[in-house]
C-alpha atoms as a PDB file:
ATOM      1  CA  MET A   1     -32.215   4.889 -11.490  1.00  0.00           C
ATOM      2  CA  LEU A   2     -29.817   6.719  -9.181  1.00  0.00           C
ATOM      3  CA  THR A   3     -26.875   8.023 -11.164  1.00  0.00           C
ATOM      4  CA  ARG A   4     -23.420   8.734  -9.779  1.00  0.00           C
ATOM      5  CA  ARG A   5     -23.841  12.448 -10.454  1.00  0.00           C
ATOM      6  CA  PHE A   6     -27.192  12.511  -8.617  1.00  0.00           C
ATOM      7  CA  LEU A   7     -25.693  10.760  -5.594  1.00  0.00           C
ATOM      8  CA  LEU A   8     -22.761  13.175  -5.571  1.00  0.00           C
ATOM      9  CA  SER A   9     -25.069  16.191  -5.674  1.00  0.00           C
ATOM     10  CA  PHE A  10     -27.382  14.778  -3.003  1.00  0.00           C
ATOM     11  CA  ALA A  11     -24.560  13.847  -0.634  1.00  0.00           C
ATOM     12  CA  THR A  12     -22.825  17.197  -1.069  1.00  0.00           C
ATOM     13  CA  ALA A  13     -26.017  19.059  -0.220  1.00  0.00           C
ATOM     14  CA  ALA A  14     -26.526  16.858   2.830  1.00  0.00           C
ATOM     15  CA  ALA A  15     -23.000  17.576   4.053  1.00  0.00           C
ATOM     16  CA  LEU A  16     -23.530  21.318   3.770  1.00  0.00           C
ATOM     17  CA  ALA A  17     -26.695  21.009   5.855  1.00  0.00           C
ATOM     18  CA  LEU A  18     -24.928  19.370   8.830  1.00  0.00           C
ATOM     19  CA  PRO A  19     -24.913  21.420  12.043  1.00  0.00           C
ATOM     20  CA  ALA A  20     -21.644  23.086  13.009  1.00  0.00           C
ATOM     21  CA  ALA A  21     -21.089  20.686  15.941  1.00  0.00           C
ATOM     22  CA  ALA A  22     -21.004  17.742  13.532  1.00  0.00           C
ATOM     23  CA  GLN A  23     -18.235  19.403  11.555  1.00  0.00           C
ATOM     24  CA  ASP A  24     -15.861  20.108  14.469  1.00  0.00           C
ATOM     25  CA  ARG A  25     -13.627  17.213  13.428  1.00  0.00           C
ATOM     26  CA  LEU A  26     -12.311  16.801   9.919  1.00  0.00           C
ATOM     27  CA  SER A  27     -14.107  14.057   8.035  1.00  0.00           C
ATOM     28  CA  VAL A  28     -11.500  12.190   5.978  1.00  0.00           C
ATOM     29  CA  VAL A  29     -11.983   9.390   3.478  1.00  0.00           C
ATOM     30  CA  ALA A  30      -8.985   7.420   2.196  1.00  0.00           C
ATOM     31  CA  THR A  31      -8.984   4.808  -0.512  1.00  0.00           C
ATOM     32  CA  THR A  32      -6.456   2.349   0.943  1.00  0.00           C
ATOM     33  CA  GLY A  33      -5.659   1.292   4.477  1.00  0.00           C
ATOM     34  CA  MET A  34      -2.119   2.641   4.193  1.00  0.00           C
ATOM     35  CA  ILE A  35      -3.352   6.128   3.354  1.00  0.00           C
ATOM     36  CA  ALA A  36      -6.019   5.942   6.060  1.00  0.00           C
ATOM     37  CA  ASP A  37      -3.318   5.075   8.585  1.00  0.00           C
ATOM     38  CA  ALA A  38      -1.233   8.092   7.542  1.00  0.00           C
ATOM     39  CA  ALA A  39      -4.307  10.298   7.977  1.00  0.00           C
ATOM     40  CA  ARG A  40      -4.968   8.904  11.456  1.00  0.00           C
ATOM     41  CA  GLN A  41      -1.358   9.387  12.504  1.00  0.00           C
ATOM     42  CA  VAL A  42      -1.307  13.009  11.328  1.00  0.00           C
ATOM     43  CA  GLY A  43      -4.843  13.927  12.318  1.00  0.00           C
ATOM     44  CA  GLY A  44      -5.005  12.218  15.684  1.00  0.00           C
ATOM     45  CA  GLU A  45      -8.149  13.119  17.602  1.00  0.00           C
ATOM     46  CA  ARG A  46      -8.912  15.972  15.216  1.00  0.00           C
ATOM     47  CA  VAL A  47     -10.082  13.684  12.396  1.00  0.00           C
ATOM     48  CA  ASP A  48     -12.558  10.920  11.655  1.00  0.00           C
ATOM     49  CA  VAL A  49     -11.054   8.624   9.031  1.00  0.00           C
ATOM     50  CA  THR A  50     -12.853   6.107   6.829  1.00  0.00           C
ATOM     51  CA  ALA A  51     -11.007   3.700   4.535  1.00  0.00           C
ATOM     52  CA  LEU A  52     -12.883   2.515   1.461  1.00  0.00           C
ATOM     53  CA  MET A  53     -10.766  -0.646   1.120  1.00  0.00           C
ATOM     54  CA  GLY A  54     -10.164  -3.071   3.948  1.00  0.00           C
ATOM     55  CA  PRO A  55      -7.759  -6.001   4.470  1.00  0.00           C
ATOM     56  CA  GLY A  56      -7.283  -8.241   1.465  1.00  0.00           C
ATOM     57  CA  VAL A  57      -8.891  -5.781  -0.973  1.00  0.00           C
ATOM     58  CA  ASP A  58      -7.110  -5.211  -4.280  1.00  0.00           C
ATOM     59  CA  PRO A  59      -7.041  -1.464  -5.117  1.00  0.00           C
ATOM     60  CA  HIS A  60      -6.206  -2.114  -8.775  1.00  0.00           C
ATOM     61  CA  ALA A  61      -9.613  -3.699  -9.378  1.00  0.00           C
ATOM     62  CA  TYR A  62     -11.745  -1.897  -6.774  1.00  0.00           C
ATOM     63  CA  ARG A  63     -14.861  -0.093  -8.043  1.00  0.00           C
ATOM     64  CA  GLN A  64     -16.842   2.414  -6.024  1.00  0.00           C
ATOM     65  CA  THR A  65     -20.146   1.397  -4.452  1.00  0.00           C
ATOM     66  CA  ARG A  66     -23.142   3.661  -3.928  1.00  0.00           C
ATOM     67  CA  SER A  67     -22.204   4.006  -0.272  1.00  0.00           C
ATOM     68  CA  ASP A  68     -18.655   5.006  -1.314  1.00  0.00           C
ATOM     69  CA  ILE A  69     -20.090   7.782  -3.465  1.00  0.00           C
ATOM     70  CA  VAL A  70     -22.132   9.165  -0.590  1.00  0.00           C
ATOM     71  CA  THR A  71     -19.316   8.805   1.949  1.00  0.00           C
ATOM     72  CA  THR A  72     -16.708  10.560  -0.189  1.00  0.00           C
ATOM     73  CA  ALA A  73     -19.067  13.334  -1.233  1.00  0.00           C
ATOM     74  CA  GLN A  74     -19.726  14.162   2.425  1.00  0.00           C
ATOM     75  CA  ALA A  75     -16.065  14.206   3.430  1.00  0.00           C
ATOM     76  CA  ASP A  76     -14.015  17.318   4.108  1.00  0.00           C
ATOM     77  CA  LEU A  77     -10.966  15.625   2.578  1.00  0.00           C
ATOM     78  CA  VAL A  78     -10.549  12.643   0.274  1.00  0.00           C
ATOM     79  CA  PHE A  79      -7.122  11.056  -0.022  1.00  0.00           C
ATOM     80  CA  TRP A  80      -6.158   8.621  -2.744  1.00  0.00           C
ATOM     81  CA  ASN A  81      -2.831   7.240  -3.848  1.00  0.00           C
ATOM     82  CA  GLY A  82      -2.913   8.227  -7.499  1.00  0.00           C
ATOM     83  CA  LEU A  83      -0.273   7.041  -9.981  1.00  0.00           C
ATOM     84  CA  TYR A  84      -3.029   4.827 -11.430  1.00  0.00           C
ATOM     85  CA  LEU A  85      -3.206   2.532  -8.388  1.00  0.00           C
ATOM     86  CA  GLU A  86      -6.973   2.984  -8.102  1.00  0.00           C
ATOM     87  CA  ALA A  87      -7.433   2.532 -11.845  1.00  0.00           C
ATOM     88  CA  GLN A  88     -11.160   1.814 -11.717  1.00  0.00           C
ATOM     89  CA  LEU A  89     -11.830   4.636  -9.242  1.00  0.00           C
ATOM     90  CA  GLU A  90      -9.848   7.305 -11.062  1.00  0.00           C
ATOM     91  CA  PRO A  91     -12.677   8.761 -13.227  1.00  0.00           C
ATOM     92  CA  PHE A  92     -14.956   9.002 -10.186  1.00  0.00           C
ATOM     93  CA  LEU A  93     -12.302  10.674  -8.026  1.00  0.00           C
ATOM     94  CA  LEU A  94     -11.381  13.179 -10.716  1.00  0.00           C
ATOM     95  CA  GLU A  95     -15.057  14.069 -11.067  1.00  0.00           C
ATOM     96  CA  LEU A  96     -15.415  14.377  -7.287  1.00  0.00           C
ATOM     97  CA  ALA A  97     -12.470  16.792  -7.224  1.00  0.00           C
ATOM     98  CA  ALA A  98     -14.721  19.434  -8.773  1.00  0.00           C
ATOM     99  CA  GLU A  99     -16.876  19.317  -5.620  1.00  0.00           C
ATOM    100  CA  ARG A 100     -14.566  18.365  -2.734  1.00  0.00           C
ATOM    101  CA  ALA A 101     -10.924  18.528  -1.662  1.00  0.00           C
ATOM    102  CA  VAL A 102      -9.450  15.414  -3.282  1.00  0.00           C
ATOM    103  CA  VAL A 103      -5.699  14.807  -2.959  1.00  0.00           C
ATOM    104  CA  ALA A 104      -3.579  12.185  -4.748  1.00  0.00           C
ATOM    105  CA  VAL A 105      -0.988  11.922  -1.981  1.00  0.00           C
ATOM    106  CA  ALA A 106       1.587   9.743  -3.776  1.00  0.00           C
ATOM    107  CA  GLU A 107       1.764  12.249  -6.596  1.00  0.00           C
ATOM    108  CA  ALA A 108       3.471  14.632  -4.170  1.00  0.00           C
ATOM    109  CA  ILE A 109       6.609  12.511  -4.562  1.00  0.00           C
ATOM    110  CA  PRO A 110       9.017  14.059  -7.105  1.00  0.00           C
ATOM    111  CA  SER A 111       9.001  12.146 -10.376  1.00  0.00           C
ATOM    112  CA  SER A 112      12.781  11.729 -10.082  1.00  0.00           C
ATOM    113  CA  GLN A 113      12.142   9.376  -7.141  1.00  0.00           C
ATOM    114  CA  LEU A 114       9.468   7.331  -8.894  1.00  0.00           C
ATOM    115  CA  ILE A 115       9.964   4.180 -10.940  1.00  0.00           C
ATOM    116  CA  GLY A 116       8.486   3.881 -14.412  1.00  0.00           C
ATOM    117  CA  SER A 117       5.794   1.354 -15.261  1.00  0.00           C
ATOM    118  CA  GLU A 118       6.301  -1.254 -17.958  1.00  0.00           C
ATOM    119  CA  ASP A 119       2.571  -1.970 -17.937  1.00  0.00           C
ATOM    120  CA  TYR A 120       1.366   1.566 -18.635  1.00  0.00           C
ATOM    121  CA  GLU A 121       3.307   3.910 -20.888  1.00  0.00           C
ATOM    122  CA  GLY A 122       3.892   7.320 -19.384  1.00  0.00           C
ATOM    123  CA  ARG A 123       2.884   6.235 -15.867  1.00  0.00           C
ATOM    124  CA  PHE A 124       4.807   5.326 -12.727  1.00  0.00           C
ATOM    125  CA  ASP A 125       4.733   2.322 -10.432  1.00  0.00           C
ATOM    126  CA  PRO A 126       2.215   3.293  -7.697  1.00  0.00           C
ATOM    127  CA  HIS A 127       3.485   1.016  -4.879  1.00  0.00           C
ATOM    128  CA  VAL A 128       5.484   3.756  -3.137  1.00  0.00           C
ATOM    129  CA  TRP A 129       4.558   2.612   0.393  1.00  0.00           C
ATOM    130  CA  MET A 130       7.065  -0.248   0.088  1.00  0.00           C
ATOM    131  CA  ASN A 131       9.833   2.247   0.926  1.00  0.00           C
ATOM    132  CA  PRO A 132       9.305   4.044   4.278  1.00  0.00           C
ATOM    133  CA  ASN A 133      11.518   6.925   3.177  1.00  0.00           C
ATOM    134  CA  LEU A 134       9.286   7.564   0.169  1.00  0.00           C
ATOM    135  CA  TRP A 135       6.182   7.124   2.296  1.00  0.00           C
ATOM    136  CA  SER A 136       7.334  10.034   4.430  1.00  0.00           C
ATOM    137  CA  ARG A 137       6.508  12.268   1.445  1.00  0.00           C
ATOM    138  CA  VAL A 138       2.934  10.978   1.587  1.00  0.00           C
ATOM    139  CA  VAL A 139       2.753  11.799   5.293  1.00  0.00           C
ATOM    140  CA  LEU A 140       3.893  15.347   4.531  1.00  0.00           C
ATOM    141  CA  ALA A 141       1.305  15.696   1.761  1.00  0.00           C
ATOM    142  CA  THR A 142      -1.367  14.472   4.189  1.00  0.00           C
ATOM    143  CA  ARG A 143      -0.235  17.008   6.788  1.00  0.00           C
ATOM    144  CA  ASP A 144      -0.296  19.872   4.304  1.00  0.00           C
ATOM    145  CA  ALA A 145      -3.797  18.999   3.090  1.00  0.00           C
ATOM    146  CA  MET A 146      -5.123  18.879   6.653  1.00  0.00           C
ATOM    147  CA  ILE A 147      -3.549  22.222   7.487  1.00  0.00           C
ATOM    148  CA  ALA A 148      -5.127  23.749   4.374  1.00  0.00           C
ATOM    149  CA  ALA A 149      -8.535  22.355   5.350  1.00  0.00           C
ATOM    150  CA  ASP A 150      -8.248  23.198   9.057  1.00  0.00           C
ATOM    151  CA  PRO A 151      -5.606  25.906   9.624  1.00  0.00           C
ATOM    152  CA  ASP A 152      -6.711  26.494  13.243  1.00  0.00           C
ATOM    153  CA  ASN A 153      -5.200  23.132  14.161  1.00  0.00           C
ATOM    154  CA  ALA A 154      -2.027  23.386  12.074  1.00  0.00           C
ATOM    155  CA  GLU A 155       0.191  23.045  15.131  1.00  0.00           C
ATOM    156  CA  THR A 156      -1.407  19.706  16.045  1.00  0.00           C
ATOM    157  CA  TYR A 157      -1.058  18.297  12.548  1.00  0.00           C
ATOM    158  CA  THR A 158       2.552  19.459  12.326  1.00  0.00           C
ATOM    159  CA  ALA A 159       3.500  17.884  15.665  1.00  0.00           C
ATOM    160  CA  ASN A 160       1.736  14.602  14.905  1.00  0.00           C
ATOM    161  CA  ALA A 161       3.393  14.372  11.501  1.00  0.00           C
ATOM    162  CA  ALA A 162       6.825  14.996  13.024  1.00  0.00           C
ATOM    163  CA  THR A 163       6.305  12.168  15.508  1.00  0.00           C
ATOM    164  CA  HIS A 164       5.210   9.768  12.788  1.00  0.00           C
ATOM    165  CA  LEU A 165       8.129  10.731  10.558  1.00  0.00           C
ATOM    166  CA  GLU A 166      10.484   9.756  13.390  1.00  0.00           C
ATOM    167  CA  GLU A 167       8.772   6.366  13.539  1.00  0.00           C
ATOM    168  CA  LEU A 168       9.153   5.933   9.786  1.00  0.00           C
ATOM    169  CA  ALA A 169      12.856   6.779  10.038  1.00  0.00           C
ATOM    170  CA  ALA A 170      13.318   4.123  12.742  1.00  0.00           C
ATOM    171  CA  LEU A 171      11.454   1.586  10.602  1.00  0.00           C
ATOM    172  CA  ALA A 172      13.692   2.404   7.629  1.00  0.00           C
ATOM    173  CA  VAL A 173      16.810   1.823   9.740  1.00  0.00           C
ATOM    174  CA  TYR A 174      15.475  -1.520  11.002  1.00  0.00           C
ATOM    175  CA  SER A 175      14.574  -2.576   7.467  1.00  0.00           C
ATOM    176  CA  GLN A 176      18.010  -1.719   6.127  1.00  0.00           C
ATOM    177  CA  THR A 177      19.744  -3.549   8.980  1.00  0.00           C
ATOM    178  CA  VAL A 178      17.869  -6.858   8.900  1.00  0.00           C
ATOM    179  CA  LEU A 179      17.638  -7.077   5.117  1.00  0.00           C
ATOM    180  CA  ALA A 180      21.390  -6.461   4.815  1.00  0.00           C
ATOM    181  CA  SER A 181      21.888  -9.630   6.866  1.00  0.00           C
ATOM    182  CA  ILE A 182      20.526 -11.748   3.987  1.00  0.00           C
ATOM    183  CA  PRO A 183      23.348 -13.214   1.862  1.00  0.00           C
ATOM    184  CA  ALA A 184      23.711 -11.174  -1.329  1.00  0.00           C
ATOM    185  CA  GLU A 185      23.048 -14.173  -3.591  1.00  0.00           C
ATOM    186  CA  ALA A 186      19.767 -14.864  -1.753  1.00  0.00           C
ATOM    187  CA  ARG A 187      18.287 -11.392  -2.224  1.00  0.00           C
ATOM    188  CA  VAL A 188      15.742 -12.507  -4.793  1.00  0.00           C
ATOM    189  CA  LEU A 189      12.067 -11.801  -4.075  1.00  0.00           C
ATOM    190  CA  VAL A 190       9.509 -13.784  -6.084  1.00  0.00           C
ATOM    191  CA  THR A 191       5.898 -12.678  -5.564  1.00  0.00           C
ATOM    192  CA  ALA A 192       2.481 -12.839  -7.197  1.00  0.00           C
ATOM    193  CA  HIS A 193       2.664  -9.387  -8.788  1.00  0.00           C
ATOM    194  CA  ASP A 194       5.143  -6.531  -9.146  1.00  0.00           C
ATOM    195  CA  ALA A 195       4.298  -4.647  -5.953  1.00  0.00           C
ATOM    196  CA  PHE A 196       7.827  -4.708  -4.508  1.00  0.00           C
ATOM    197  CA  THR A 197       9.908  -2.777  -7.018  1.00  0.00           C
ATOM    198  CA  TYR A 198      10.447   0.160  -4.643  1.00  0.00           C
ATOM    199  CA  PHE A 199      11.373  -2.327  -1.930  1.00  0.00           C
ATOM    200  CA  GLY A 200      13.910  -3.948  -4.245  1.00  0.00           C
ATOM    201  CA  ALA A 201      15.416  -0.612  -5.251  1.00  0.00           C
ATOM    202  CA  ALA A 202      15.749   0.500  -1.631  1.00  0.00           C
ATOM    203  CA  TYR A 203      17.288  -2.683  -0.259  1.00  0.00           C
ATOM    204  CA  GLY A 204      19.172  -4.257  -3.148  1.00  0.00           C
ATOM    205  CA  PHE A 205      16.785  -7.062  -4.096  1.00  0.00           C
ATOM    206  CA  GLU A 206      16.040  -8.560  -7.466  1.00  0.00           C
ATOM    207  CA  VAL A 207      12.249  -8.622  -7.627  1.00  0.00           C
ATOM    208  CA  MET A 208      10.287 -11.011  -9.839  1.00  0.00           C
ATOM    209  CA  GLY A 209       6.507 -10.821 -10.064  1.00  0.00           C
ATOM    210  CA  ILE A 210       4.342 -13.284 -11.958  1.00  0.00           C
ATOM    211  CA  GLN A 211       1.892 -10.548 -12.915  1.00  0.00           C
ATOM    212  CA  GLY A 212       2.788  -6.974 -13.710  1.00  0.00           C
ATOM    213  CA  ILE A 213       2.285  -3.867 -11.599  1.00  0.00           C
ATOM    214  CA  SER A 214      -1.484  -4.283 -11.800  1.00  0.00           C
ATOM    215  CA  THR A 215      -3.171  -7.475 -10.673  1.00  0.00           C
ATOM    216  CA  GLU A 216      -5.474  -6.933 -13.658  1.00  0.00           C
ATOM    217  CA  SER A 217      -2.637  -7.949 -15.983  1.00  0.00           C
ATOM    218  CA  GLU A 218      -2.616 -11.553 -17.154  1.00  0.00           C
ATOM    219  CA  ALA A 219      -0.036 -14.074 -16.019  1.00  0.00           C
ATOM    220  CA  GLY A 220       0.736 -16.055 -19.150  1.00  0.00           C
ATOM    221  CA  LEU A 221       1.956 -19.622 -19.230  1.00  0.00           C
ATOM    222  CA  ASN A 222       5.217 -18.409 -20.760  1.00  0.00           C
ATOM    223  CA  ARG A 223       5.861 -16.130 -17.784  1.00  0.00           C
ATOM    224  CA  ILE A 224       5.209 -18.912 -15.291  1.00  0.00           C
ATOM    225  CA  SER A 225       7.416 -21.327 -17.248  1.00  0.00           C
ATOM    226  CA  GLU A 226      10.172 -18.721 -17.419  1.00  0.00           C
ATOM    227  CA  LEU A 227      10.058 -18.165 -13.660  1.00  0.00           C
ATOM    228  CA  VAL A 228      10.063 -21.907 -12.962  1.00  0.00           C
ATOM    229  CA  ASP A 229      13.276 -22.212 -14.981  1.00  0.00           C
ATOM    230  CA  THR A 230      14.753 -19.310 -13.016  1.00  0.00           C
ATOM    231  CA  LEU A 231      13.882 -20.920  -9.679  1.00  0.00           C
ATOM    232  CA  VAL A 232      15.529 -24.159 -10.750  1.00  0.00           C
ATOM    233  CA  THR A 233      18.675 -22.807 -12.426  1.00  0.00           C
ATOM    234  CA  ARG A 234      19.391 -20.282  -9.660  1.00  0.00           C
ATOM    235  CA  ASN A 235      18.441 -22.642  -6.827  1.00  0.00           C
ATOM    236  CA  ILE A 236      15.877 -20.250  -5.354  1.00  0.00           C
ATOM    237  CA  GLY A 237      14.143 -22.039  -2.502  1.00  0.00           C
ATOM    238  CA  ALA A 238      11.435 -19.618  -1.330  1.00  0.00           C
ATOM    239  CA  VAL A 239       8.643 -17.610  -2.920  1.00  0.00           C
ATOM    240  CA  PHE A 240       6.021 -15.411  -1.302  1.00  0.00           C
ATOM    241  CA  VAL A 241       2.240 -15.139  -1.459  1.00  0.00           C
ATOM    242  CA  GLU A 242       0.310 -11.907  -0.940  1.00  0.00           C
ATOM    243  CA  THR A 243      -2.745 -11.204   1.198  1.00  0.00           C
ATOM    244  CA  SER A 244      -4.609  -9.342  -1.547  1.00  0.00           C
ATOM    245  CA  VAL A 245      -3.748 -11.592  -4.506  1.00  0.00           C
ATOM    246  CA  SER A 246      -4.752 -15.185  -5.230  1.00  0.00           C
ATOM    247  CA  ASP A 247      -1.993 -17.717  -4.517  1.00  0.00           C
ATOM    248  CA  ARG A 248      -2.921 -19.786  -7.592  1.00  0.00           C
ATOM    249  CA  ASN A 249       0.021 -18.648  -9.710  1.00  0.00           C
ATOM    250  CA  ILE A 250       2.510 -19.042  -6.861  1.00  0.00           C
ATOM    251  CA  ARG A 251       1.266 -22.611  -6.380  1.00  0.00           C
ATOM    252  CA  ALA A 252       1.797 -23.202 -10.086  1.00  0.00           C
ATOM    253  CA  LEU A 253       5.417 -22.056  -9.711  1.00  0.00           C
ATOM    254  CA  ILE A 254       6.009 -24.444  -6.840  1.00  0.00           C
ATOM    255  CA  GLU A 255       4.455 -27.348  -8.740  1.00  0.00           C
ATOM    256  CA  GLY A 256       6.440 -26.519 -11.875  1.00  0.00           C
ATOM    257  CA  ALA A 257       9.700 -26.496  -9.941  1.00  0.00           C
ATOM    258  CA  ALA A 258       8.800 -29.767  -8.227  1.00  0.00           C
ATOM    259  CA  ALA A 259       8.235 -31.357 -11.648  1.00  0.00           C
ATOM    260  CA  GLN A 260      11.879 -30.532 -12.392  1.00  0.00           C
ATOM    261  CA  GLY A 261      13.062 -31.986  -9.100  1.00  0.00           C
ATOM    262  CA  HIS A 262      13.545 -28.661  -7.309  1.00  0.00           C
ATOM    263  CA  THR A 263      11.834 -27.959  -3.989  1.00  0.00           C
ATOM    264  CA  VAL A 264      10.439 -24.484  -3.429  1.00  0.00           C
ATOM    265  CA  SER A 265       8.575 -23.473  -0.277  1.00  0.00           C
ATOM    266  CA  ILE A 266       6.367 -20.516   0.568  1.00  0.00           C
ATOM    267  CA  GLY A 267       8.553 -18.140   2.553  1.00  0.00           C
ATOM    268  CA  GLY A 268       5.542 -16.399   4.031  1.00  0.00           C
ATOM    269  CA  GLU A 269       2.552 -14.214   3.275  1.00  0.00           C
ATOM    270  CA  LEU A 270       3.292 -10.558   2.548  1.00  0.00           C
ATOM    271  CA  PHE A 271       1.102  -7.481   2.712  1.00  0.00           C
ATOM    272  CA  SER A 272       1.292  -5.873  -0.711  1.00  0.00           C
ATOM    273  CA  ASP A 273      -1.716  -3.714  -1.610  1.00  0.00           C
ATOM    274  CA  ALA A 274      -3.539  -3.906   1.720  1.00  0.00           C
ATOM    275  CA  MET A 275      -2.646  -4.009   5.417  1.00  0.00           C
ATOM    276  CA  GLY A 276      -3.653  -6.486   8.113  1.00  0.00           C
ATOM    277  CA  ALA A 277      -6.838  -6.566  10.171  1.00  0.00           C
ATOM    278  CA  PRO A 278      -7.949  -3.394  11.967  1.00  0.00           C
ATOM    279  CA  GLY A 279      -6.914  -3.310  15.614  1.00  0.00           C
ATOM    280  CA  THR A 280      -3.770  -5.368  15.029  1.00  0.00           C
ATOM    281  CA  TYR A 281      -0.184  -4.178  14.721  1.00  0.00           C
ATOM    282  CA  GLU A 282      -0.151  -5.532  11.162  1.00  0.00           C
ATOM    283  CA  GLY A 283      -3.205  -3.354  10.535  1.00  0.00           C
ATOM    284  CA  THR A 284      -0.980  -0.267  10.737  1.00  0.00           C
ATOM    285  CA  TYR A 285       1.540   0.925   8.183  1.00  0.00           C
ATOM    286  CA  LEU A 286       4.418   0.418  10.627  1.00  0.00           C
ATOM    287  CA  GLY A 287       3.262  -3.118  11.389  1.00  0.00           C
ATOM    288  CA  MET A 288       2.639  -3.973   7.741  1.00  0.00           C
ATOM    289  CA  ILE A 289       6.175  -3.080   6.692  1.00  0.00           C
ATOM    290  CA  ASP A 290       7.714  -4.592   9.842  1.00  0.00           C
ATOM    291  CA  HIS A 291       5.904  -7.857   9.034  1.00  0.00           C
ATOM    292  CA  ASN A 292       7.098  -7.877   5.422  1.00  0.00           C
ATOM    293  CA  VAL A 293      10.710  -7.033   6.243  1.00  0.00           C
ATOM    294  CA  THR A 294      10.934  -9.513   9.100  1.00  0.00           C
ATOM    295  CA  THR A 295       9.238 -12.293   7.109  1.00  0.00           C
ATOM    296  CA  ILE A 296      11.498 -11.814   4.089  1.00  0.00           C
ATOM    297  CA  ALA A 297      14.670 -11.618   6.159  1.00  0.00           C
ATOM    298  CA  ARG A 298      13.929 -14.770   8.134  1.00  0.00           C
ATOM    299  CA  ALA A 299      12.813 -16.732   5.050  1.00  0.00           C
ATOM    300  CA  LEU A 300      15.877 -15.871   2.963  1.00  0.00           C
ATOM    301  CA  GLY A 301      18.588 -16.597   5.501  1.00  0.00           C
ATOM    302  CA  GLY A 302      18.880 -13.259   7.255  1.00  0.00           C
ATOM    303  CA  GLN A 303      18.735 -12.388  10.941  1.00  0.00           C
ATOM    304  CA  ALA A 304      15.593 -10.747  12.301  1.00  0.00           C
ATOM    305  CA  PRO A 305      13.727 -11.049  15.613  1.00  0.00           C
ATOM    306  CA  GLU A 306      10.766 -13.401  15.395  1.00  0.00           C
ATOM    307  CA  ARG A 307       8.300 -10.742  16.518  1.00  0.00           C
ATOM    308  CA  GLY A 308       9.802  -7.884  14.565  1.00  0.00           C
ATOM    309  CA  ARG A 309      11.224  -4.489  15.324  1.00  0.00           C
ATOM    310  CA  ILE A 310       9.313  -3.728  18.543  1.00  0.00           C
ATOM    311  CA  ASP A 311       8.227  -7.252  19.521  1.00  0.00           C
ATOM    312  CA  GLU A 312       4.652  -6.719  18.307  1.00  0.00           C
ATOM    313  CA  LEU A 313       4.268  -9.045  15.320  1.00  0.00           C
ATOM    314  CA  ALA A 314       1.738 -11.836  15.662  1.00  0.00           C
ATOM    315  CA  LEU A 315       3.267 -15.298  15.829  1.00  0.00           C
ATOM    316  CA  ASN A 316       2.132 -17.505  12.936  1.00  0.00           C
END
């Protein structure tokens, strides 16, 4: 039987045996699509980036495969979010750190800017990408790790990061502008799980998730009943599904409200723990957040262009 430790040792030895020409570009592995996108933006043509998790994949529950073990062990750099997002991967990644350069990029954010977790004592909410200003810290951590691994190309990584940080700043301004157009009493975001707390803190929203920070947490009948009562008493007319979480509990909310004579619709599908399909605008970090912000604003009575900040969103 092939053990994880054997695969790590084998893959590491194979990586060291590669000819120099094969190692001209940095080989980068990232756990989530958001982190992979940051690596591509910073690395440009100097890096080959592989994301372990694709569209619709839930990082809270993801477990490494044998091919993941080999791929990460052969990489020059491995980026993961940290903050207990990849809960099932954490032991593997900490073990890998003894052999390779493994960086928990979200843990570069000062703890004073992080939000505590009610689900896990002593830990923070890991969904930092929901605030572009916080995500800029991740971009900087990615840049610094690439410079450390490949100092000869530091100027390239620095310039690419600066360009991407300008794009993040423009996205943050757009987000603030269109979300501020939503009436204050309508700034209530009801979703499948608590992935939007940083979003709520940044833009003045009350966020209500059926499940906790992790999709592994159970959604009890009491929680669903409590949220149904909230929808009815506060006349909330829209809730949101997520691409990486089952819509079963959201459907239960809608049905529960209907049983009390209150109509609730689905305001749209949001990207929470994963981006859109590769090759699409929504398959980039900028497009993911643009989609979420635009969808929320339009569903809750705000003003936002149908195709988003730069007219690139797909029409549903």
